C-alpha atoms as a PDB file:
ATOM      1  CA  MET A   1     -17.277  -4.637  -7.518  1.00  0.00           C
ATOM      2  CA  ASN A   2     -15.023  -3.854  -4.551  1.00  0.00           C
ATOM      3  CA  TYR A   3     -12.349  -1.198  -4.405  1.00  0.00           C
ATOM      4  CA  TYR A   4      -9.218  -1.142  -2.309  1.00  0.00           C
ATOM      5  CA  VAL A   5      -6.898   1.344  -0.692  1.00  0.00           C
ATOM      6  CA  TYR A   6      -3.426  -0.078  -0.301  1.00  0.00           C
ATOM      7  CA  VAL A   7      -0.147   0.857   1.314  1.00  0.00           C
ATOM      8  CA  LEU A   8       3.126  -0.310  -0.184  1.00  0.00           C
ATOM      9  CA  TRP A   9       6.576  -0.233   1.378  1.00  0.00           C
ATOM     10  CA  SER A  10       9.901   0.120  -0.410  1.00  0.00           C
ATOM     11  CA  GLU A  11      12.809  -1.142   1.649  1.00  0.00           C
ATOM     12  CA  LYS A  12      15.122   0.419  -0.930  1.00  0.00           C
ATOM     13  CA  LEU A  13      13.701   3.930  -0.457  1.00  0.00           C
ATOM     14  CA  LYS A  14      12.458   3.439   3.116  1.00  0.00           C
ATOM     15  CA  LYS A  15       9.177   4.986   1.979  1.00  0.00           C
ATOM     16  CA  ARG A  16       5.485   4.173   1.790  1.00  0.00           C
ATOM     17  CA  TYR A  17       3.186   4.604  -1.162  1.00  0.00           C
ATOM     18  CA  VAL A  18      -0.606   4.907  -0.816  1.00  0.00           C
ATOM     19  CA  GLY A  19      -2.946   4.172  -3.717  1.00  0.00           C
ATOM     20  CA  SER A  20      -6.365   2.806  -4.637  1.00  0.00           C
ATOM     21  CA  THR A  21      -7.410   0.199  -7.170  1.00  0.00           C
ATOM     22  CA  LYS A  22      -9.934  -2.495  -8.092  1.00  0.00           C
ATOM     23  CA  ASP A  23      -7.267  -5.233  -8.159  1.00  0.00           C
ATOM     24  CA  VAL A  24      -4.558  -4.981  -5.507  1.00  0.00           C
ATOM     25  CA  ILE A  25      -2.471  -7.922  -6.722  1.00  0.00           C
ATOM     26  CA  GLU A  26      -2.409  -6.691 -10.321  1.00  0.00           C
ATOM     27  CA  ARG A  27      -1.586  -3.160  -9.180  1.00  0.00           C
ATOM     28  CA  LEU A  28       1.278  -4.481  -7.041  1.00  0.00           C
ATOM     29  CA  ARG A  29       2.613  -6.334 -10.089  1.00  0.00           C
ATOM     30  CA  GLN A  30       2.451  -3.103 -12.105  1.00  0.00           C
ATOM     31  CA  HIS A  31       4.396  -1.235  -9.433  1.00  0.00           C
ATOM     32  CA  ASN A  32       7.029  -3.987  -9.332  1.00  0.00           C
ATOM     33  CA  ASN A  33       7.258  -4.286 -13.128  1.00  0.00           C
ATOM     34  CA  GLY A  34       8.202  -0.627 -13.351  1.00  0.00           C
ATOM     35  CA  THR A  35       5.107   0.372 -15.345  1.00  0.00           C
ATOM     36  CA  SER A  36       4.251   3.006 -12.750  1.00  0.00           C
ATOM     37  CA  LYS A  37       6.707   5.847 -13.342  1.00  0.00           C
ATOM     38  CA  PHE A  38       6.252   7.333  -9.875  1.00  0.00           C
ATOM     39  CA  THR A  39       7.156   4.113  -8.035  1.00  0.00           C
ATOM     40  CA  SER A  40       9.673   2.533 -10.426  1.00  0.00           C
ATOM     41  CA  GLY A  41      12.632   3.735  -8.348  1.00  0.00           C
ATOM     42  CA  GLY A  42      11.463   1.844  -5.266  1.00  0.00           C
ATOM     43  CA  ILE A  43      11.242  -1.682  -6.666  1.00  0.00           C
ATOM     44  CA  PRO A  44      10.601  -4.081  -5.029  1.00  0.00           C
ATOM     45  CA  TRP A  45       7.430  -2.819  -3.353  1.00  0.00           C
ATOM     46  CA  LYS A  46       5.675  -4.906  -0.706  1.00  0.00           C
ATOM     47  CA  LEU A  47       2.019  -4.685   0.239  1.00  0.00           C
ATOM     48  CA  ILE A  48       1.865  -3.912   3.964  1.00  0.00           C
ATOM     49  CA  HIS A  49      -1.778  -2.872   4.359  1.00  0.00           C
ATOM     50  CA  HIS A  50      -5.030  -2.829   2.426  1.00  0.00           C
ATOM     51  CA  GLU A  51      -8.642  -1.873   3.105  1.00  0.00           C
ATOM     52  CA  GLU A  52     -11.732  -2.863   1.127  1.00  0.00           C
ATOM     53  CA  TYR A  53     -14.591  -0.517   0.178  1.00  0.00           C
ATOM     54  CA  GLU A  54     -17.821  -0.988  -1.750  1.00  0.00           C
ATOM     55  CA  THR A  55     -17.532   2.158  -3.864  1.00  0.00           C
ATOM     56  CA  LEU A  56     -14.812   3.975  -5.740  1.00  0.00           C
ATOM     57  CA  GLN A  57     -15.782   7.170  -3.929  1.00  0.00           C
ATOM     58  CA  GLU A  58     -15.218   5.580  -0.500  1.00  0.00           C
ATOM     59  CA  SER A  59     -11.832   4.199  -1.489  1.00  0.00           C
ATOM     60  CA  ARG A  60     -10.708   7.520  -2.971  1.00  0.00           C
ATOM     61  CA  GLN A  61     -11.807   9.379   0.165  1.00  0.00           C
ATOM     62  CA  ARG A  62      -9.773   7.008   2.335  1.00  0.00           C
ATOM     63  CA  GLU A  63      -6.777   7.296  -0.004  1.00  0.00           C
ATOM     64  CA  LYS A  64      -6.991  11.084   0.218  1.00  0.00           C
ATOM     65  CA  TYR A  65      -7.205  10.867   4.014  1.00  0.00           C
ATOM     66  CA  LEU A  66      -4.159   8.582   4.259  1.00  0.00           C
ATOM     67  CA  LYS A  67      -2.201  11.093   2.177  1.00  0.00           C
ATOM     68  CA  SER A  68      -3.248  13.968   4.474  1.00  0.00           C
ATOM     69  CA  GLY A  69      -1.441  15.038   7.629  1.00  0.00           C
ATOM     70  CA  PHE A  70      -3.820  13.098   9.889  1.00  0.00           C
ATOM     71  CA  GLY A  71      -3.617  10.045   7.643  1.00  0.00           C
ATOM     72  CA  ARG A  72       0.181  10.118   7.577  1.00  0.00           C
ATOM     73  CA  LYS A  73       0.099  10.385  11.373  1.00  0.00           C
ATOM     74  CA  TRP A  74      -2.121   7.266  11.533  1.00  0.00           C
ATOM     75  CA  LEU A  75       0.244   5.423   9.184  1.00  0.00           C
ATOM     76  CA  ASN A  76       3.253   6.490  11.241  1.00  0.00           C
ATOM     77  CA  GLU A  77       1.598   5.279  14.441  1.00  0.00           C
ATOM     78  CA  ASN A  78       0.697   1.917  12.920  1.00  0.00           C
ATOM     79  CA  PHE A  79       3.767   1.336  10.756  1.00  0.00           C
ATOM     80  CA  SER A  80       6.413   3.447  12.521  1.00  0.00           C
ATOM     81  CA  ASP A  81       9.135   0.827  12.719  1.00  0.00           C
ATOM     82  CA  LEU A  82       9.175   0.016   9.001  1.00  0.00           C
ATOM     83  CA  LYS A  83      12.174   2.256   8.490  1.00  0.00           C
ATOM     84  CA  ASN A  84      14.171  -0.121  10.669  1.00  0.00           C
ATOM     85  CA  LYS A  85      12.513  -3.434   9.781  1.00  0.00           C
ATOM     86  CA  PHE A  86       9.090  -4.866   9.026  1.00  0.00           C
ATOM     87  CA  ARG A  87       6.646  -4.914  11.891  1.00  0.00           C
ATOM     88  CA  ARG A  88       6.570  -8.184  13.752  1.00  0.00           C
ATOM     89  CA  GLY A  89       3.506  -9.984  12.449  1.00  0.00           C
ATOM     90  CA  ALA A  90       2.987  -7.616   9.505  1.00  0.00           C
ATOM     91  CA  ARG A  91       1.295  -9.283   6.589  1.00  0.00           C
ATOM     92  CA  VAL A  92       3.411  -8.656   3.537  1.00  0.00           C
ATOM     93  CA  VAL A  93       2.252  -9.692   0.086  1.00  0.00           C
ATOM     94  CA  GLU A  94       4.577  -9.680  -2.891  1.00  0.00           C
ATOM     95  CA  SER A  95       2.262 -11.501  -5.280  1.00  0.00           C
ATOM     96  CA  GLY A  96      -0.556 -13.972  -5.184  1.00  0.00           C
ATOM     97  CA  SER A  97      -3.745 -13.805  -3.165  1.00  0.00           C
ATOM     98  CA  LEU A  98      -5.053 -11.378  -0.567  1.00  0.00           C
ATOM     99  CA  GLU A  99      -6.847 -14.181   1.256  1.00  0.00           C
ATOM    100  CA  ASN A 100      -4.115 -14.434   3.881  1.00  0.00           C
ATOM    101  CA  CYS A 101      -4.013 -10.701   4.586  1.00  0.00           C
END
């Protein structure tokens, strides 16, 4: 079983959300259905980045890193212009398959 770390973007809030899951598409649906209390105010959320790991421990470590100061710096460097518009060429997934990401 693979595990994922994902980064969502809310155009409404102009904010990112970092999480981890076994099923990115299902988790994105949950965020956009309002079943996640923490992210319900930012609907619609768009998937802007994801990484795949073999173990839950690896994915949780990466999630923790991305939420740290150094991780936020990395996200800012790679996704800095999201507050103005989506990065040119960014792969955004609203629903469906991750195959094209």
